[in-house]
Amino acid sequence: TSKRESITITNMITFTPEFVANRPATLYLDNQGNGSLLMRGLGATARTYEIEATDDLVNPNWTVLGNTTADGNGRFIFPISQTIPKRFFRAREVLQ
């Protein structure tokens, strides 16, 4: 009956502990504005990831940039000095 009605919908996503413990890594890059990038990742809880880069996806030659470990929520960060105009990144879980 009112002419100014609004509806708010909230969608809360909850991950099960099993999913958080085993999810594959997803990467996000943030430009820091000074020629460097900050890689943010979401992976499995307390897992160690090897961060790799390549310039070519057709014939990739992956170079290891370093390692990082996810926190209790599966989050990790890794700073990257970006001096090459085009580069591809991946995070591979280090099996222990």
C-alpha atoms as a PDB file:
ATOM      1  CA  THR A   1       0.000   0.000   0.000  1.00  0.00           C
ATOM      2  CA  SER A   2       2.936   2.321   0.481  1.00  0.00           C
ATOM      3  CA  LYS A   3       4.531   3.981  -2.524  1.00  0.00           C
ATOM      4  CA  ARG A   4       8.023   3.811  -0.997  1.00  0.00           C
ATOM      5  CA  GLU A   5       8.666   0.235  -0.060  1.00  0.00           C
ATOM      6  CA  SER A   6      12.095  -1.332  -0.021  1.00  0.00           C
ATOM      7  CA  ILE A   7      13.267  -4.859   0.516  1.00  0.00           C
ATOM      8  CA  THR A   8      16.695  -5.810   1.811  1.00  0.00           C
ATOM      9  CA  ILE A   9      17.953  -9.303   1.091  1.00  0.00           C
ATOM     10  CA  THR A  10      20.968 -10.683   2.888  1.00  0.00           C
ATOM     11  CA  ASN A  11      22.634 -13.824   1.640  1.00  0.00           C
ATOM     12  CA  MET A  12      25.024 -15.305   4.169  1.00  0.00           C
ATOM     13  CA  ILE A  13      27.342 -18.016   2.908  1.00  0.00           C
ATOM     14  CA  THR A  14      28.733 -20.398   5.468  1.00  0.00           C
ATOM     15  CA  PHE A  15      31.438 -22.863   4.539  1.00  0.00           C
ATOM     16  CA  THR A  16      31.635 -26.174   6.325  1.00  0.00           C
ATOM     17  CA  PRO A  17      34.872 -26.938   8.192  1.00  0.00           C
ATOM     18  CA  GLU A  18      35.524 -29.749   5.718  1.00  0.00           C
ATOM     19  CA  PHE A  19      35.358 -27.335   2.760  1.00  0.00           C
ATOM     20  CA  VAL A  20      37.607 -24.761   4.460  1.00  0.00           C
ATOM     21  CA  ALA A  21      40.151 -27.489   5.232  1.00  0.00           C
ATOM     22  CA  ASN A  22      40.334 -28.680   1.613  1.00  0.00           C
ATOM     23  CA  ARG A  23      39.382 -25.841  -0.746  1.00  0.00           C
ATOM     24  CA  PRO A  24      41.655 -25.083  -3.735  1.00  0.00           C
ATOM     25  CA  ALA A  25      43.492 -21.754  -3.688  1.00  0.00           C
ATOM     26  CA  THR A  26      41.911 -18.703  -5.326  1.00  0.00           C
ATOM     27  CA  LEU A  27      44.125 -15.687  -6.039  1.00  0.00           C
ATOM     28  CA  TYR A  28      43.378 -11.964  -6.163  1.00  0.00           C
ATOM     29  CA  LEU A  29      45.869  -9.248  -7.141  1.00  0.00           C
ATOM     30  CA  ASP A  30      45.832  -5.756  -5.646  1.00  0.00           C
ATOM     31  CA  ASN A  31      47.852  -3.025  -7.398  1.00  0.00           C
ATOM     32  CA  GLN A  32      49.807  -1.165  -4.713  1.00  0.00           C
ATOM     33  CA  GLY A  33      50.452   1.796  -7.041  1.00  0.00           C
ATOM     34  CA  ASN A  34      54.231   1.736  -6.625  1.00  0.00           C
ATOM     35  CA  GLY A  35      55.066  -0.912  -9.212  1.00  0.00           C
ATOM     36  CA  SER A  36      54.280  -3.783  -6.874  1.00  0.00           C
ATOM     37  CA  LEU A  37      51.314  -6.075  -6.401  1.00  0.00           C
ATOM     38  CA  LEU A  38      49.902  -7.698  -3.313  1.00  0.00           C
ATOM     39  CA  MET A  39      48.594 -11.177  -3.945  1.00  0.00           C
ATOM     40  CA  ARG A  40      45.746 -12.157  -1.674  1.00  0.00           C
ATOM     41  CA  GLY A  41      44.748 -15.760  -1.578  1.00  0.00           C
ATOM     42  CA  LEU A  42      42.059 -17.924  -0.129  1.00  0.00           C
ATOM     43  CA  GLY A  43      42.964 -21.554   0.298  1.00  0.00           C
ATOM     44  CA  ALA A  44      42.806 -24.343   2.828  1.00  0.00           C
ATOM     45  CA  THR A  45      43.385 -23.687   6.516  1.00  0.00           C
ATOM     46  CA  ALA A  46      47.045 -23.736   7.618  1.00  0.00           C
ATOM     47  CA  ARG A  47      48.314 -25.080   4.273  1.00  0.00           C
ATOM     48  CA  THR A  48      51.550 -23.841   2.736  1.00  0.00           C
ATOM     49  CA  TYR A  49      51.450 -22.616  -0.860  1.00  0.00           C
ATOM     50  CA  GLU A  50      54.261 -22.155  -3.356  1.00  0.00           C
ATOM     51  CA  ILE A  51      53.677 -18.994  -5.404  1.00  0.00           C
ATOM     52  CA  GLU A  52      54.788 -19.393  -9.023  1.00  0.00           C
ATOM     53  CA  ALA A  53      54.858 -17.115 -12.075  1.00  0.00           C
ATOM     54  CA  THR A  54      55.267 -17.480 -15.840  1.00  0.00           C
ATOM     55  CA  ASP A  55      55.239 -15.108 -18.808  1.00  0.00           C
ATOM     56  CA  ASP A  56      53.649 -17.586 -21.223  1.00  0.00           C
ATOM     57  CA  LEU A  57      50.691 -19.916 -20.740  1.00  0.00           C
ATOM     58  CA  VAL A  58      51.174 -21.721 -24.073  1.00  0.00           C
ATOM     59  CA  ASN A  59      54.625 -23.043 -23.100  1.00  0.00           C
ATOM     60  CA  PRO A  60      54.783 -22.242 -19.385  1.00  0.00           C
ATOM     61  CA  ASN A  61      58.063 -22.238 -17.524  1.00  0.00           C
ATOM     62  CA  TRP A  62      56.901 -21.704 -13.931  1.00  0.00           C
ATOM     63  CA  THR A  63      59.326 -19.904 -11.628  1.00  0.00           C
ATOM     64  CA  VAL A  64      58.947 -20.228  -7.857  1.00  0.00           C
ATOM     65  CA  LEU A  65      58.683 -16.796  -6.217  1.00  0.00           C
ATOM     66  CA  GLY A  66      58.399 -18.065  -2.642  1.00  0.00           C
ATOM     67  CA  ASN A  67      56.124 -19.711  -0.105  1.00  0.00           C
ATOM     68  CA  THR A  68      53.283 -18.512   2.101  1.00  0.00           C
ATOM     69  CA  THR A  69      51.038 -20.203   4.655  1.00  0.00           C
ATOM     70  CA  ALA A  70      47.298 -19.720   5.003  1.00  0.00           C
ATOM     71  CA  ASP A  71      45.906 -18.628   8.363  1.00  0.00           C
ATOM     72  CA  GLY A  72      43.081 -20.316  10.281  1.00  0.00           C
ATOM     73  CA  ASN A  73      40.534 -18.893   7.836  1.00  0.00           C
ATOM     74  CA  GLY A  74      42.502 -20.018   4.762  1.00  0.00           C
ATOM     75  CA  ARG A  75      43.693 -16.487   3.886  1.00  0.00           C
ATOM     76  CA  PHE A  76      47.228 -15.644   2.814  1.00  0.00           C
ATOM     77  CA  ILE A  77      49.108 -12.699   1.299  1.00  0.00           C
ATOM     78  CA  PHE A  78      52.247 -12.540  -0.801  1.00  0.00           C
ATOM     79  CA  PRO A  79      53.934  -9.313  -2.027  1.00  0.00           C
ATOM     80  CA  ILE A  80      55.091  -9.305  -5.663  1.00  0.00           C
ATOM     81  CA  SER A  81      57.503  -6.921  -7.350  1.00  0.00           C
ATOM     82  CA  GLN A  82      55.924  -6.474 -10.782  1.00  0.00           C
ATOM     83  CA  THR A  83      58.535  -5.367 -13.295  1.00  0.00           C
ATOM     84  CA  ILE A  84      57.283  -7.422 -16.261  1.00  0.00           C
ATOM     85  CA  PRO A  85      54.216  -6.035 -18.104  1.00  0.00           C
ATOM     86  CA  LYS A  86      52.464  -9.420 -18.450  1.00  0.00           C
ATOM     87  CA  ARG A  87      52.730 -12.253 -15.974  1.00  0.00           C
ATOM     88  CA  PHE A  88      50.584 -15.160 -14.830  1.00  0.00           C
ATOM     89  CA  PHE A  89      50.539 -16.484 -11.277  1.00  0.00           C
ATOM     90  CA  ARG A  90      49.445 -19.623  -9.494  1.00  0.00           C
ATOM     91  CA  ALA A  91      49.550 -21.037  -5.999  1.00  0.00           C
ATOM     92  CA  ARG A  92      50.382 -24.712  -5.629  1.00  0.00           C
ATOM     93  CA  GLU A  93      49.932 -26.469  -2.328  1.00  0.00           C
ATOM     94  CA  VAL A  94      53.171 -27.762  -0.849  1.00  0.00           C
ATOM     95  CA  LEU A  95      52.541 -31.366   0.200  1.00  0.00           C
ATOM     96  CA  GLN A  96      54.184 -32.219   3.484  1.00  0.00           C
END
